[in-house]
Amino acid sequence: MKNLLKIYLDYRMLIKTLVSRELKARYRGSILGFFWSFLNPLLLLVVYTVVFGFILRPRDPAFAGNPFNYALFLFSGLLPWIWFSACVLEATTIILINGNILKKVMFPAEVLPIVSVTANFVHFIFGIPILIIFELVLGHPITPYIFLSIIVMLIQYIFSLALSFILSALSANFRDLQHLMANIVTLWFFSTPIIYPMTFGVINQHKWLKLILYLNPMTHIVEGYQQAFYYGGMIPYKRLGVTLIVSLILLWFGYWLFDRLRDTFVEEA
């Protein structure tokens, strides 16, 4: 873990430069450029508001009374999921895509997962003001608990970085992992309370189903955002504490695995 912190300190300027380059590259050649970082989540929220606020109104009584409630609930969980899924999917190709860099210079390979997670985190941050503005416009209450979302972001960052190290190291040697993870992420999405709340009737009726959902670290992370941004209550700090411990253990293992397999990256890339 100390070695990883040293990487952040020693290569902070390189990380900053590569993150900036990654953000600019995403919208290079487009007329609106970096403004798409705000416009994409805005359009996404508008679509969900129209579809689930007026066309497909959910029957769950938790969202009754205001046609926009479900759209805000959905968006508060969908934003962090977009960040997470982008990190996981990019991790399966990041070594292969940057193979030329690894071959030509003495480049610190561990910087690549860090840049990927950080760049996607910045995109996630740009979506937060859109959610808050919509809540203010629609009269949805905002409480001081919203500041606790910073804790949730930190935990998600660590968890995403841990998986990025593991997946990038393994996918460099097992390329089928790229296709496998695309399907796993889809299953993972529906196994996370994003399109449904944990209070959903079916979940409460089946304890085994609730247990499976609680074994999913992203369940507690997404619930943390939902509490902070939608419900305006205390985040599930006990379960998030366990998630943080699990994430740190995975980060230690992920960095160890990455370091152990780094000699194979140039050969396989």
C-alpha atoms as a PDB file:
ATOM      1  CA  MET A   1       0.000   0.000   0.000  1.00  0.00           C
ATOM      2  CA  LYS A   2       2.925   2.341   0.735  1.00  0.00           C
ATOM      3  CA  ASN A   3       4.271   1.678  -2.757  1.00  0.00           C
ATOM      4  CA  LEU A   4       0.934   2.723  -4.248  1.00  0.00           C
ATOM      5  CA  LEU A   5       0.924   5.989  -2.296  1.00  0.00           C
ATOM      6  CA  LYS A   6       4.472   6.565  -3.504  1.00  0.00           C
ATOM      7  CA  ILE A   7       3.261   6.128  -7.091  1.00  0.00           C
ATOM      8  CA  TYR A   8       0.659   8.875  -6.544  1.00  0.00           C
ATOM      9  CA  LEU A   9       3.299  11.213  -5.117  1.00  0.00           C
ATOM     10  CA  ASP A  10       6.146  10.467  -7.500  1.00  0.00           C
ATOM     11  CA  TYR A  11       4.033  10.498 -10.656  1.00  0.00           C
ATOM     12  CA  ARG A  12       1.392  13.046  -9.667  1.00  0.00           C
ATOM     13  CA  MET A  13       2.234  15.341 -12.581  1.00  0.00           C
ATOM     14  CA  LEU A  14       2.169  12.459 -15.049  1.00  0.00           C
ATOM     15  CA  ILE A  15      -1.185  11.284 -13.673  1.00  0.00           C
ATOM     16  CA  LYS A  16      -2.577  14.816 -13.891  1.00  0.00           C
ATOM     17  CA  THR A  17      -1.368  15.180 -17.487  1.00  0.00           C
ATOM     18  CA  LEU A  18      -2.749  11.824 -18.602  1.00  0.00           C
ATOM     19  CA  VAL A  19      -6.113  12.426 -16.899  1.00  0.00           C
ATOM     20  CA  SER A  20      -6.367  15.793 -18.643  1.00  0.00           C
ATOM     21  CA  ARG A  21      -5.440  14.191 -21.959  1.00  0.00           C
ATOM     22  CA  GLU A  22      -8.010  11.443 -21.438  1.00  0.00           C
ATOM     23  CA  LEU A  23     -10.773  13.938 -20.691  1.00  0.00           C
ATOM     24  CA  LYS A  24      -9.929  16.051 -23.745  1.00  0.00           C
ATOM     25  CA  ALA A  25      -9.654  13.004 -26.019  1.00  0.00           C
ATOM     26  CA  ARG A  26     -13.192  11.860 -25.265  1.00  0.00           C
ATOM     27  CA  TYR A  27     -14.767  14.852 -26.970  1.00  0.00           C
ATOM     28  CA  ARG A  28     -11.984  15.790 -29.381  1.00  0.00           C
ATOM     29  CA  GLY A  29     -13.402  16.982 -32.676  1.00  0.00           C
ATOM     30  CA  SER A  30     -16.899  17.684 -31.295  1.00  0.00           C
ATOM     31  CA  ILE A  31     -18.352  21.181 -31.493  1.00  0.00           C
ATOM     32  CA  LEU A  32     -19.376  21.414 -27.839  1.00  0.00           C
ATOM     33  CA  GLY A  33     -16.205  19.731 -26.627  1.00  0.00           C
ATOM     34  CA  PHE A  34     -15.868  19.442 -22.849  1.00  0.00           C
ATOM     35  CA  PHE A  35     -19.399  20.782 -22.366  1.00  0.00           C
ATOM     36  CA  TRP A  36     -20.627  17.262 -23.153  1.00  0.00           C
ATOM     37  CA  SER A  37     -19.446  16.267 -19.682  1.00  0.00           C
ATOM     38  CA  PHE A  38     -22.382  18.305 -18.351  1.00  0.00           C
ATOM     39  CA  LEU A  39     -24.753  17.788 -21.250  1.00  0.00           C
ATOM     40  CA  ASN A  40     -24.666  13.969 -21.262  1.00  0.00           C
ATOM     41  CA  PRO A  41     -25.927  13.536 -17.669  1.00  0.00           C
ATOM     42  CA  LEU A  42     -28.423  16.360 -18.228  1.00  0.00           C
ATOM     43  CA  LEU A  43     -29.934  14.628 -21.271  1.00  0.00           C
ATOM     44  CA  LEU A  44     -29.921  11.309 -19.439  1.00  0.00           C
ATOM     45  CA  LEU A  45     -31.847  12.777 -16.524  1.00  0.00           C
ATOM     46  CA  VAL A  46     -34.361  14.447 -18.845  1.00  0.00           C
ATOM     47  CA  VAL A  47     -35.018  11.140 -20.607  1.00  0.00           C
ATOM     48  CA  TYR A  48     -35.524   9.262 -17.333  1.00  0.00           C
ATOM     49  CA  THR A  49     -37.785  12.017 -16.028  1.00  0.00           C
ATOM     50  CA  VAL A  50     -40.037  11.834 -19.091  1.00  0.00           C
ATOM     51  CA  VAL A  51     -40.099   8.032 -19.296  1.00  0.00           C
ATOM     52  CA  PHE A  52     -40.500   7.174 -15.619  1.00  0.00           C
ATOM     53  CA  GLY A  53     -42.244  10.354 -14.518  1.00  0.00           C
ATOM     54  CA  PHE A  54     -45.030  10.402 -17.085  1.00  0.00           C
ATOM     55  CA  ILE A  55     -45.012   7.263 -19.269  1.00  0.00           C
ATOM     56  CA  LEU A  56     -43.993   4.334 -17.050  1.00  0.00           C
ATOM     57  CA  ARG A  57     -44.882   5.437 -13.565  1.00  0.00           C
ATOM     58  CA  PRO A  58     -43.600   2.945 -10.958  1.00  0.00           C
ATOM     59  CA  ARG A  59     -46.182   1.281  -8.750  1.00  0.00           C
ATOM     60  CA  ASP A  60     -43.994   1.331  -5.675  1.00  0.00           C
ATOM     61  CA  PRO A  61     -45.725   3.585  -3.093  1.00  0.00           C
ATOM     62  CA  ALA A  62     -42.320   4.978  -2.099  1.00  0.00           C
ATOM     63  CA  PHE A  63     -42.357   7.042  -5.297  1.00  0.00           C
ATOM     64  CA  ALA A  64     -45.982   8.078  -5.232  1.00  0.00           C
ATOM     65  CA  GLY A  65     -47.086  11.677  -5.051  1.00  0.00           C
ATOM     66  CA  ASN A  66     -44.530  13.199  -7.379  1.00  0.00           C
ATOM     67  CA  PRO A  67     -43.956  11.933 -10.937  1.00  0.00           C
ATOM     68  CA  PHE A  68     -40.303  13.000 -10.768  1.00  0.00           C
ATOM     69  CA  ASN A  69     -39.410  11.046  -7.616  1.00  0.00           C
ATOM     70  CA  TYR A  70     -38.428   7.826  -9.336  1.00  0.00           C
ATOM     71  CA  ALA A  71     -36.332   9.607 -11.968  1.00  0.00           C
ATOM     72  CA  LEU A  72     -34.310  11.335  -9.230  1.00  0.00           C
ATOM     73  CA  PHE A  73     -33.965   8.078  -7.291  1.00  0.00           C
ATOM     74  CA  LEU A  74     -32.808   6.247 -10.403  1.00  0.00           C
ATOM     75  CA  PHE A  75     -30.333   8.947 -11.389  1.00  0.00           C
ATOM     76  CA  SER A  76     -28.757   9.089  -7.920  1.00  0.00           C
ATOM     77  CA  GLY A  77     -27.803   5.422  -8.281  1.00  0.00           C
ATOM     78  CA  LEU A  78     -27.133   5.416 -12.007  1.00  0.00           C
ATOM     79  CA  LEU A  79     -24.475   8.148 -11.920  1.00  0.00           C
ATOM     80  CA  PRO A  80     -22.057   6.212  -9.669  1.00  0.00           C
ATOM     81  CA  TRP A  81     -22.799   3.017 -11.577  1.00  0.00           C
ATOM     82  CA  ILE A  82     -21.741   4.631 -14.871  1.00  0.00           C
ATOM     83  CA  TRP A  83     -18.469   5.602 -13.196  1.00  0.00           C
ATOM     84  CA  PHE A  84     -17.958   2.102 -11.796  1.00  0.00           C
ATOM     85  CA  SER A  85     -18.871   0.167 -14.946  1.00  0.00           C
ATOM     86  CA  ALA A  86     -16.644   2.401 -17.100  1.00  0.00           C
ATOM     87  CA  CYS A  87     -13.682   1.674 -14.808  1.00  0.00           C
ATOM     88  CA  VAL A  88     -14.286  -2.082 -14.852  1.00  0.00           C
ATOM     89  CA  LEU A  89     -14.734  -2.330 -18.607  1.00  0.00           C
ATOM     90  CA  GLU A  90     -11.778  -0.070 -19.408  1.00  0.00           C
ATOM     91  CA  ALA A  91      -9.563  -2.101 -17.085  1.00  0.00           C
ATOM     92  CA  THR A  92      -9.951  -5.178 -19.307  1.00  0.00           C
ATOM     93  CA  THR A  93      -8.366  -3.394 -22.285  1.00  0.00           C
ATOM     94  CA  ILE A  94      -6.134  -0.715 -20.802  1.00  0.00           C
ATOM     95  CA  ILE A  95      -2.879  -2.710 -20.926  1.00  0.00           C
ATOM     96  CA  LEU A  96      -3.510  -3.929 -24.473  1.00  0.00           C
ATOM     97  CA  ILE A  97      -4.457  -0.476 -25.765  1.00  0.00           C
ATOM     98  CA  ASN A  98      -1.369   1.146 -24.252  1.00  0.00           C
ATOM     99  CA  GLY A  99       1.002  -1.642 -25.258  1.00  0.00           C
ATOM    100  CA  ASN A 100       3.105   0.658 -27.449  1.00  0.00           C
ATOM    101  CA  ILE A 101       3.824   2.984 -24.532  1.00  0.00           C
ATOM    102  CA  LEU A 102       4.869   0.105 -22.303  1.00  0.00           C
ATOM    103  CA  LYS A 103       7.221  -1.227 -24.984  1.00  0.00           C
ATOM    104  CA  LYS A 104       8.982   2.000 -25.938  1.00  0.00           C
ATOM    105  CA  VAL A 105       9.739   3.701 -22.633  1.00  0.00           C
ATOM    106  CA  MET A 106      10.224   2.924 -18.958  1.00  0.00           C
ATOM    107  CA  PHE A 107       6.613   3.755 -18.237  1.00  0.00           C
ATOM    108  CA  PRO A 108       5.091   2.991 -14.791  1.00  0.00           C
ATOM    109  CA  ALA A 109       2.290   0.614 -15.803  1.00  0.00           C
ATOM    110  CA  GLU A 110       0.366   1.093 -12.549  1.00  0.00           C
ATOM    111  CA  VAL A 111      -0.366   4.660 -13.605  1.00  0.00           C
ATOM    112  CA  LEU A 112      -2.765   3.393 -16.294  1.00  0.00           C
ATOM    113  CA  PRO A 113      -5.489   2.033 -13.947  1.00  0.00           C
ATOM    114  CA  ILE A 114      -5.099   5.115 -11.756  1.00  0.00           C
ATOM    115  CA  VAL A 115      -5.646   7.433 -14.730  1.00  0.00           C
ATOM    116  CA  SER A 116      -8.688   5.447 -15.899  1.00  0.00           C
ATOM    117  CA  VAL A 117     -10.411   5.502 -12.502  1.00  0.00           C
ATOM    118  CA  THR A 118      -9.560   9.171 -11.901  1.00  0.00           C
ATOM    119  CA  ALA A 119     -10.738  10.332 -15.341  1.00  0.00           C
ATOM    120  CA  ASN A 120     -14.063   8.520 -14.923  1.00  0.00           C
ATOM    121  CA  PHE A 121     -14.364   9.986 -11.436  1.00  0.00           C
ATOM    122  CA  VAL A 122     -14.056  13.490 -12.901  1.00  0.00           C
ATOM    123  CA  HIS A 123     -16.859  12.685 -15.356  1.00  0.00           C
ATOM    124  CA  PHE A 124     -18.950  11.468 -12.429  1.00  0.00           C
ATOM    125  CA  ILE A 125     -18.335  14.721 -10.556  1.00  0.00           C
ATOM    126  CA  PHE A 126     -19.684  16.721 -13.513  1.00  0.00           C
ATOM    127  CA  GLY A 127     -22.992  14.870 -13.203  1.00  0.00           C
ATOM    128  CA  ILE A 128     -23.513  15.757  -9.525  1.00  0.00           C
ATOM    129  CA  PRO A 129     -24.437  19.452 -10.125  1.00  0.00           C
ATOM    130  CA  ILE A 130     -27.026  18.337 -12.688  1.00  0.00           C
ATOM    131  CA  LEU A 131     -28.695  16.094 -10.110  1.00  0.00           C
ATOM    132  CA  ILE A 132     -28.629  18.807  -7.429  1.00  0.00           C
ATOM    133  CA  ILE A 133     -30.009  21.466  -9.796  1.00  0.00           C
ATOM    134  CA  PHE A 134     -32.883  19.198 -10.825  1.00  0.00           C
ATOM    135  CA  GLU A 135     -33.678  18.479  -7.174  1.00  0.00           C
ATOM    136  CA  LEU A 136     -33.793  22.191  -6.423  1.00  0.00           C
ATOM    137  CA  VAL A 137     -35.947  22.948  -9.475  1.00  0.00           C
ATOM    138  CA  LEU A 138     -38.369  20.122  -8.673  1.00  0.00           C
ATOM    139  CA  GLY A 139     -38.585  21.066  -5.004  1.00  0.00           C
ATOM    140  CA  HIS A 140     -36.956  17.897  -3.756  1.00  0.00           C
ATOM    141  CA  PRO A 141     -35.521  18.468  -0.251  1.00  0.00           C
ATOM    142  CA  ILE A 142     -31.721  18.631   0.099  1.00  0.00           C
ATOM    143  CA  THR A 143     -30.218  18.056   3.543  1.00  0.00           C
ATOM    144  CA  PRO A 144     -26.704  18.476   5.004  1.00  0.00           C
ATOM    145  CA  TYR A 145     -26.302  14.688   4.693  1.00  0.00           C
ATOM    146  CA  ILE A 146     -25.434  15.352   1.054  1.00  0.00           C
ATOM    147  CA  PHE A 147     -21.876  16.182   2.172  1.00  0.00           C
ATOM    148  CA  LEU A 148     -21.472  12.597   3.422  1.00  0.00           C
ATOM    149  CA  SER A 149     -21.462  11.541  -0.222  1.00  0.00           C
ATOM    150  CA  ILE A 150     -17.762  12.515  -0.212  1.00  0.00           C
ATOM    151  CA  ILE A 151     -17.111   9.514   2.045  1.00  0.00           C
ATOM    152  CA  VAL A 152     -19.025   7.269  -0.345  1.00  0.00           C
ATOM    153  CA  MET A 153     -17.022   8.624  -3.290  1.00  0.00           C
ATOM    154  CA  LEU A 154     -13.761   7.803  -1.536  1.00  0.00           C
ATOM    155  CA  ILE A 155     -14.874   4.238  -0.841  1.00  0.00           C
ATOM    156  CA  GLN A 156     -16.040   3.770  -4.424  1.00  0.00           C
ATOM    157  CA  TYR A 157     -12.761   5.166  -5.729  1.00  0.00           C
ATOM    158  CA  ILE A 158     -10.777   2.630  -3.691  1.00  0.00           C
ATOM    159  CA  PHE A 159     -13.069  -0.240  -4.706  1.00  0.00           C
ATOM    160  CA  SER A 160     -12.960   0.715  -8.392  1.00  0.00           C
ATOM    161  CA  LEU A 161      -9.182   1.093  -8.324  1.00  0.00           C
ATOM    162  CA  ALA A 162      -8.795  -2.304  -6.666  1.00  0.00           C
ATOM    163  CA  LEU A 163     -10.845  -4.032  -9.359  1.00  0.00           C
ATOM    164  CA  SER A 164      -9.050  -2.071 -12.080  1.00  0.00           C
ATOM    165  CA  PHE A 165      -5.672  -3.373 -10.912  1.00  0.00           C
ATOM    166  CA  ILE A 166      -6.957  -6.943 -10.739  1.00  0.00           C
ATOM    167  CA  LEU A 167      -8.772  -6.916 -14.079  1.00  0.00           C
ATOM    168  CA  SER A 168      -6.069  -5.055 -16.007  1.00  0.00           C
ATOM    169  CA  ALA A 169      -3.410  -7.492 -14.767  1.00  0.00           C
ATOM    170  CA  LEU A 170      -5.481 -10.576 -15.574  1.00  0.00           C
ATOM    171  CA  SER A 171      -6.877  -9.380 -18.910  1.00  0.00           C
ATOM    172  CA  ALA A 172      -3.373  -8.790 -20.255  1.00  0.00           C
ATOM    173  CA  ASN A 173      -2.849 -12.551 -20.029  1.00  0.00           C
ATOM    174  CA  PHE A 174      -6.443 -13.784 -20.448  1.00  0.00           C
ATOM    175  CA  ARG A 175      -8.080 -11.765 -23.202  1.00  0.00           C
ATOM    176  CA  ASP A 176     -11.395 -13.597 -22.923  1.00  0.00           C
ATOM    177  CA  LEU A 177     -11.900 -11.686 -19.674  1.00  0.00           C
ATOM    178  CA  GLN A 178     -12.868  -8.626 -21.706  1.00  0.00           C
ATOM    179  CA  HIS A 179     -15.918 -10.372 -23.171  1.00  0.00           C
ATOM    180  CA  LEU A 180     -16.739 -12.125 -19.907  1.00  0.00           C
ATOM    181  CA  MET A 181     -16.771  -8.883 -17.911  1.00  0.00           C
ATOM    182  CA  ALA A 182     -19.167  -7.228 -20.380  1.00  0.00           C
ATOM    183  CA  ASN A 183     -21.763  -9.836 -19.392  1.00  0.00           C
ATOM    184  CA  ILE A 184     -20.850  -9.832 -15.709  1.00  0.00           C
ATOM    185  CA  VAL A 185     -21.312  -6.054 -15.522  1.00  0.00           C
ATOM    186  CA  THR A 186     -24.839  -6.406 -16.935  1.00  0.00           C
ATOM    187  CA  LEU A 187     -25.704  -9.029 -14.312  1.00  0.00           C
ATOM    188  CA  TRP A 188     -24.019  -6.925 -11.635  1.00  0.00           C
ATOM    189  CA  PHE A 189     -26.173  -3.935 -12.599  1.00  0.00           C
ATOM    190  CA  PHE A 190     -29.408  -5.813 -11.947  1.00  0.00           C
ATOM    191  CA  SER A 191     -27.949  -7.231  -8.722  1.00  0.00           C
ATOM    192  CA  THR A 192     -27.488  -3.691  -7.408  1.00  0.00           C
ATOM    193  CA  PRO A 193     -30.446  -1.627  -6.072  1.00  0.00           C
ATOM    194  CA  ILE A 194     -30.371   1.020  -8.794  1.00  0.00           C
ATOM    195  CA  ILE A 195     -33.675   0.527 -10.606  1.00  0.00           C
ATOM    196  CA  TYR A 196     -35.386  -0.710  -7.430  1.00  0.00           C
ATOM    197  CA  PRO A 197     -35.028   0.219  -3.735  1.00  0.00           C
ATOM    198  CA  MET A 198     -33.952  -2.230  -1.036  1.00  0.00           C
ATOM    199  CA  THR A 199     -37.444  -1.765   0.463  1.00  0.00           C
ATOM    200  CA  PHE A 200     -38.978  -3.403  -2.617  1.00  0.00           C
ATOM    201  CA  GLY A 201     -41.567  -5.987  -1.572  1.00  0.00           C
ATOM    202  CA  VAL A 202     -39.985  -9.005  -3.253  1.00  0.00           C
ATOM    203  CA  ILE A 203     -36.642  -8.361  -1.535  1.00  0.00           C
ATOM    204  CA  ASN A 204     -38.226  -8.194   1.912  1.00  0.00           C
ATOM    205  CA  GLN A 205     -40.198 -11.380   1.265  1.00  0.00           C
ATOM    206  CA  HIS A 206     -37.086 -13.431   0.461  1.00  0.00           C
ATOM    207  CA  LYS A 207     -34.276 -13.211   2.998  1.00  0.00           C
ATOM    208  CA  TRP A 208     -31.882 -15.150   0.755  1.00  0.00           C
ATOM    209  CA  LEU A 209     -32.327 -12.528  -1.957  1.00  0.00           C
ATOM    210  CA  LYS A 210     -31.621  -9.736   0.497  1.00  0.00           C
ATOM    211  CA  LEU A 211     -28.497 -11.570   1.685  1.00  0.00           C
ATOM    212  CA  ILE A 212     -27.201 -11.879  -1.878  1.00  0.00           C
ATOM    213  CA  LEU A 213     -27.706  -8.156  -2.451  1.00  0.00           C
ATOM    214  CA  TYR A 214     -25.927  -7.306   0.805  1.00  0.00           C
ATOM    215  CA  LEU A 215     -22.912  -9.395  -0.264  1.00  0.00           C
ATOM    216  CA  ASN A 216     -22.553  -7.023  -3.217  1.00  0.00           C
ATOM    217  CA  PRO A 217     -20.234  -4.109  -2.237  1.00  0.00           C
ATOM    218  CA  MET A 218     -21.889  -1.845  -4.809  1.00  0.00           C
ATOM    219  CA  THR A 219     -25.207  -2.254  -2.979  1.00  0.00           C
ATOM    220  CA  HIS A 220     -23.909  -0.308   0.013  1.00  0.00           C
ATOM    221  CA  ILE A 221     -22.109   2.247  -2.145  1.00  0.00           C
ATOM    222  CA  VAL A 222     -25.214   2.960  -4.228  1.00  0.00           C
ATOM    223  CA  GLU A 223     -27.392   3.080  -1.102  1.00  0.00           C
ATOM    224  CA  GLY A 224     -24.965   5.622   0.324  1.00  0.00           C
ATOM    225  CA  TYR A 225     -25.551   7.930  -2.646  1.00  0.00           C
ATOM    226  CA  GLN A 226     -29.308   7.364  -2.519  1.00  0.00           C
ATOM    227  CA  GLN A 227     -29.405   8.285   1.149  1.00  0.00           C
ATOM    228  CA  ALA A 228     -27.259  11.378   0.664  1.00  0.00           C
ATOM    229  CA  PHE A 229     -28.876  12.723  -2.511  1.00  0.00           C
ATOM    230  CA  TYR A 230     -32.422  11.326  -2.631  1.00  0.00           C
ATOM    231  CA  TYR A 231     -33.644  10.378   0.847  1.00  0.00           C
ATOM    232  CA  GLY A 232     -31.623  13.043   2.645  1.00  0.00           C
ATOM    233  CA  GLY A 233     -30.681  10.715   5.496  1.00  0.00           C
ATOM    234  CA  MET A 234     -27.674   9.132   7.157  1.00  0.00           C
ATOM    235  CA  ILE A 235     -25.573   6.930   4.913  1.00  0.00           C
ATOM    236  CA  PRO A 236     -25.290   3.233   5.949  1.00  0.00           C
ATOM    237  CA  TYR A 237     -21.956   3.911   7.655  1.00  0.00           C
ATOM    238  CA  LYS A 238     -21.600   0.476   9.270  1.00  0.00           C
ATOM    239  CA  ARG A 239     -22.025  -1.414   6.007  1.00  0.00           C
ATOM    240  CA  LEU A 240     -19.925   1.156   4.199  1.00  0.00           C
ATOM    241  CA  GLY A 241     -17.225   0.626   6.815  1.00  0.00           C
ATOM    242  CA  VAL A 242     -17.169  -3.074   5.992  1.00  0.00           C
ATOM    243  CA  THR A 243     -17.112  -2.196   2.286  1.00  0.00           C
ATOM    244  CA  LEU A 244     -14.113   0.070   2.892  1.00  0.00           C
ATOM    245  CA  ILE A 245     -12.211  -2.730   4.654  1.00  0.00           C
ATOM    246  CA  VAL A 246     -13.022  -5.159   1.830  1.00  0.00           C
ATOM    247  CA  SER A 247     -11.967  -2.543  -0.737  1.00  0.00           C
ATOM    248  CA  LEU A 248      -8.620  -1.931   0.986  1.00  0.00           C
ATOM    249  CA  ILE A 249      -7.918  -5.671   1.115  1.00  0.00           C
ATOM    250  CA  LEU A 250      -8.799  -5.964  -2.574  1.00  0.00           C
ATOM    251  CA  LEU A 251      -6.603  -2.955  -3.352  1.00  0.00           C
ATOM    252  CA  TRP A 252      -3.649  -4.557  -1.582  1.00  0.00           C
ATOM    253  CA  PHE A 253      -4.224  -7.826  -3.435  1.00  0.00           C
ATOM    254  CA  GLY A 254      -4.838  -6.056  -6.745  1.00  0.00           C
ATOM    255  CA  TYR A 255      -1.625  -4.053  -6.559  1.00  0.00           C
ATOM    256  CA  TRP A 256       0.336  -7.164  -5.520  1.00  0.00           C
ATOM    257  CA  LEU A 257      -1.105  -9.119  -8.456  1.00  0.00           C
ATOM    258  CA  PHE A 258      -0.448  -6.240 -10.851  1.00  0.00           C
ATOM    259  CA  ASP A 259       3.152  -5.962  -9.696  1.00  0.00           C
ATOM    260  CA  ARG A 260       3.623  -9.722  -9.947  1.00  0.00           C
ATOM    261  CA  LEU A 261       2.377  -9.880 -13.543  1.00  0.00           C
ATOM    262  CA  ARG A 262       3.856  -6.613 -14.830  1.00  0.00           C
ATOM    263  CA  ASP A 263       6.735  -8.422 -16.575  1.00  0.00           C
ATOM    264  CA  THR A 264       4.217 -10.180 -18.826  1.00  0.00           C
ATOM    265  CA  PHE A 265       2.503  -6.967 -19.993  1.00  0.00           C
ATOM    266  CA  VAL A 266       5.055  -6.090 -22.678  1.00  0.00           C
ATOM    267  CA  GLU A 267       5.002  -9.647 -24.040  1.00  0.00           C
ATOM    268  CA  GLU A 268       1.210  -9.871 -24.168  1.00  0.00           C
ATOM    269  CA  ALA A 269       0.420  -6.281 -25.249  1.00  0.00           C
END
